[in-house]
Amino acid sequence: MKKPKIETVCSTCCWCDKRIGENQEVLCLGSKKRPGIDLSKYEGDIMQVTMATIDKTLWAIIPTAESDARKEGKDILFTLCSDECGIELKEALNQDEKLGDIIFNHKLN
């Protein structure tokens, strides 16, 4: 998948790929990274996030360490066009988190 410009990611719903119009509200869902994951090389840029449970790849914004988002505990930001897309993304993220917990806990045992 070719890396898009950050402007494109900021104006496209990461979930449904709908272009968000200039006068439309852009919603954002913030997420925390897993402990031990270093995102510093992506700060202020975008990166691909692969959803393991649904075989979908999304583009996400990685805020800088000094940004308000990071100060609020948001390591990864997803742009969205609607509450419905946000709900679906959140459900998928929760499923991936559960899978990650199972894998991580299994490796520890």
C-alpha atoms as a PDB file:
ATOM      1  CA  MET A   1       0.000   0.000   0.000  1.00  0.00           C
ATOM      2  CA  LYS A   2       1.504   3.302  -1.100  1.00  0.00           C
ATOM      3  CA  LYS A   3       1.925   5.856   1.676  1.00  0.00           C
ATOM      4  CA  PRO A   4      -0.505   8.748   1.198  1.00  0.00           C
ATOM      5  CA  LYS A   5       0.183  12.363   2.119  1.00  0.00           C
ATOM      6  CA  ILE A   6      -0.688  13.303   5.696  1.00  0.00           C
ATOM      7  CA  GLU A   7      -3.249  15.805   4.350  1.00  0.00           C
ATOM      8  CA  THR A   8      -5.065  12.946   2.632  1.00  0.00           C
ATOM      9  CA  VAL A   9      -5.111  10.862   5.818  1.00  0.00           C
ATOM     10  CA  CYS A  10      -6.438  13.852   7.783  1.00  0.00           C
ATOM     11  CA  SER A  11      -9.320  14.277   5.330  1.00  0.00           C
ATOM     12  CA  THR A  12     -10.244  10.632   4.727  1.00  0.00           C
ATOM     13  CA  CYS A  13     -12.167   8.306   7.036  1.00  0.00           C
ATOM     14  CA  CYS A  14      -9.741   5.559   8.010  1.00  0.00           C
ATOM     15  CA  TRP A  15     -12.609   3.108   8.421  1.00  0.00           C
ATOM     16  CA  CYS A  16     -14.769   3.511   5.304  1.00  0.00           C
ATOM     17  CA  ASP A  17     -12.279   5.452   3.125  1.00  0.00           C
ATOM     18  CA  LYS A  18     -14.850   8.189   2.502  1.00  0.00           C
ATOM     19  CA  ARG A  19     -13.343  11.564   1.660  1.00  0.00           C
ATOM     20  CA  ILE A  20     -14.335  14.085   4.324  1.00  0.00           C
ATOM     21  CA  GLY A  21     -15.481  17.333   2.743  1.00  0.00           C
ATOM     22  CA  GLU A  22     -13.887  20.667   3.494  1.00  0.00           C
ATOM     23  CA  ASN A  23     -16.946  21.848   5.442  1.00  0.00           C
ATOM     24  CA  GLN A  24     -17.613  18.518   7.158  1.00  0.00           C
ATOM     25  CA  GLU A  25     -16.722  17.707  10.727  1.00  0.00           C
ATOM     26  CA  VAL A  26     -13.699  15.425  11.099  1.00  0.00           C
ATOM     27  CA  LEU A  27     -13.930  13.076  14.063  1.00  0.00           C
ATOM     28  CA  CYS A  28     -10.928  11.531  15.711  1.00  0.00           C
ATOM     29  CA  LEU A  29     -10.487   8.409  17.827  1.00  0.00           C
ATOM     30  CA  GLY A  30      -7.395   8.267  20.001  1.00  0.00           C
ATOM     31  CA  SER A  31      -5.793   5.026  21.089  1.00  0.00           C
ATOM     32  CA  LYS A  32      -2.916   3.920  23.295  1.00  0.00           C
ATOM     33  CA  LYS A  33      -0.039   1.843  21.997  1.00  0.00           C
ATOM     34  CA  ARG A  34       0.952  -1.438  23.584  1.00  0.00           C
ATOM     35  CA  PRO A  35       3.680  -1.189  26.230  1.00  0.00           C
ATOM     36  CA  GLY A  36       7.136  -1.607  24.744  1.00  0.00           C
ATOM     37  CA  ILE A  37       6.176  -0.359  21.282  1.00  0.00           C
ATOM     38  CA  ASP A  38       8.326   2.548  20.069  1.00  0.00           C
ATOM     39  CA  LEU A  39       6.504   4.922  17.742  1.00  0.00           C
ATOM     40  CA  SER A  40       9.072   7.729  17.935  1.00  0.00           C
ATOM     41  CA  LYS A  41      10.164   7.381  14.293  1.00  0.00           C
ATOM     42  CA  TYR A  42       6.558   8.041  13.209  1.00  0.00           C
ATOM     43  CA  GLU A  43       5.925  11.093  15.424  1.00  0.00           C
ATOM     44  CA  GLY A  44       4.299  13.910  13.494  1.00  0.00           C
ATOM     45  CA  ASP A  45       3.681  11.542  10.589  1.00  0.00           C
ATOM     46  CA  ILE A  46       1.406   8.664   9.625  1.00  0.00           C
ATOM     47  CA  MET A  47       1.789   4.907   9.782  1.00  0.00           C
ATOM     48  CA  GLN A  48      -0.101   1.810   8.742  1.00  0.00           C
ATOM     49  CA  VAL A  49      -2.009  -0.088  11.390  1.00  0.00           C
ATOM     50  CA  THR A  50      -3.045  -3.621  10.497  1.00  0.00           C
ATOM     51  CA  MET A  51      -6.179  -4.927  12.169  1.00  0.00           C
ATOM     52  CA  ALA A  52      -5.468  -8.618  12.750  1.00  0.00           C
ATOM     53  CA  THR A  53      -8.999  -9.787  13.522  1.00  0.00           C
ATOM     54  CA  ILE A  54     -10.607  -8.311  10.403  1.00  0.00           C
ATOM     55  CA  ASP A  55      -7.710  -8.283   7.907  1.00  0.00           C
ATOM     56  CA  LYS A  56      -7.886  -4.530   7.326  1.00  0.00           C
ATOM     57  CA  THR A  57      -5.106  -1.960   7.127  1.00  0.00           C
ATOM     58  CA  LEU A  58      -5.715   1.619   8.250  1.00  0.00           C
ATOM     59  CA  TRP A  59      -3.657   4.787   8.172  1.00  0.00           C
ATOM     60  CA  ALA A  60      -3.186   6.502  11.524  1.00  0.00           C
ATOM     61  CA  ILE A  61      -1.606   9.745  12.674  1.00  0.00           C
ATOM     62  CA  ILE A  62       1.113   9.574  15.313  1.00  0.00           C
ATOM     63  CA  PRO A  63       1.111  12.812  17.317  1.00  0.00           C
ATOM     64  CA  THR A  64       4.352  14.349  18.527  1.00  0.00           C
ATOM     65  CA  ALA A  65       5.431  13.923  22.141  1.00  0.00           C
ATOM     66  CA  GLU A  66       4.647  17.553  22.927  1.00  0.00           C
ATOM     67  CA  SER A  67       1.171  17.573  21.332  1.00  0.00           C
ATOM     68  CA  ASP A  68      -2.042  17.941  23.331  1.00  0.00           C
ATOM     69  CA  ALA A  69      -3.161  14.508  22.118  1.00  0.00           C
ATOM     70  CA  ARG A  70      -0.091  12.791  23.572  1.00  0.00           C
ATOM     71  CA  LYS A  71      -0.403  14.753  26.804  1.00  0.00           C
ATOM     72  CA  GLU A  72      -3.952  13.353  27.013  1.00  0.00           C
ATOM     73  CA  GLY A  73      -2.569   9.801  26.579  1.00  0.00           C
ATOM     74  CA  LYS A  74      -3.432   9.329  22.909  1.00  0.00           C
ATOM     75  CA  ASP A  75      -0.504   7.690  21.098  1.00  0.00           C
ATOM     76  CA  ILE A  76      -2.349   6.976  17.843  1.00  0.00           C
ATOM     77  CA  LEU A  77      -5.105   9.006  16.152  1.00  0.00           C
ATOM     78  CA  PHE A  78      -7.625   7.717  13.623  1.00  0.00           C
ATOM     79  CA  THR A  79      -9.653  10.156  11.496  1.00  0.00           C
ATOM     80  CA  LEU A  80     -13.313   9.323  10.985  1.00  0.00           C
ATOM     81  CA  CYS A  81     -16.300  10.676   9.075  1.00  0.00           C
ATOM     82  CA  SER A  82     -19.047   9.613  11.480  1.00  0.00           C
ATOM     83  CA  ASP A  83     -19.914   8.229  14.887  1.00  0.00           C
ATOM     84  CA  GLU A  84     -20.953   4.986  13.194  1.00  0.00           C
ATOM     85  CA  CYS A  85     -17.480   4.481  11.715  1.00  0.00           C
ATOM     86  CA  GLY A  86     -16.002   5.335  15.125  1.00  0.00           C
ATOM     87  CA  ILE A  87     -18.129   2.682  16.832  1.00  0.00           C
ATOM     88  CA  GLU A  88     -17.121   0.039  14.295  1.00  0.00           C
ATOM     89  CA  LEU A  89     -13.427   0.974  14.577  1.00  0.00           C
ATOM     90  CA  LYS A  90     -13.567   0.917  18.360  1.00  0.00           C
ATOM     91  CA  GLU A  91     -15.151  -2.554  18.311  1.00  0.00           C
ATOM     92  CA  ALA A  92     -12.417  -3.798  15.947  1.00  0.00           C
ATOM     93  CA  LEU A  93      -9.680  -2.246  18.098  1.00  0.00           C
ATOM     94  CA  ASN A  94     -11.149  -3.945  21.169  1.00  0.00           C
ATOM     95  CA  GLN A  95     -11.129  -7.309  19.374  1.00  0.00           C
ATOM     96  CA  ASP A  96      -7.507  -6.823  18.313  1.00  0.00           C
ATOM     97  CA  GLU A  97      -6.598  -5.837  21.873  1.00  0.00           C
ATOM     98  CA  LYS A  98      -8.192  -9.033  23.214  1.00  0.00           C
ATOM     99  CA  LEU A  99      -6.296 -11.104  20.643  1.00  0.00           C
ATOM    100  CA  GLY A 100      -3.067  -9.309  21.532  1.00  0.00           C
ATOM    101  CA  ASP A 101      -3.668  -9.991  25.228  1.00  0.00           C
ATOM    102  CA  ILE A 102      -4.175 -13.692  24.517  1.00  0.00           C
ATOM    103  CA  ILE A 103      -0.991 -13.883  22.430  1.00  0.00           C
ATOM    104  CA  PHE A 104       1.062 -11.764  24.833  1.00  0.00           C
ATOM    105  CA  ASN A 105      -0.099 -13.697  27.905  1.00  0.00           C
ATOM    106  CA  HIS A 106       0.505 -17.015  26.141  1.00  0.00           C
ATOM    107  CA  LYS A 107       4.096 -16.044  25.330  1.00  0.00           C
ATOM    108  CA  LEU A 108       4.723 -15.193  28.978  1.00  0.00           C
ATOM    109  CA  ASN A 109       3.570 -18.601  30.226  1.00  0.00           C
END
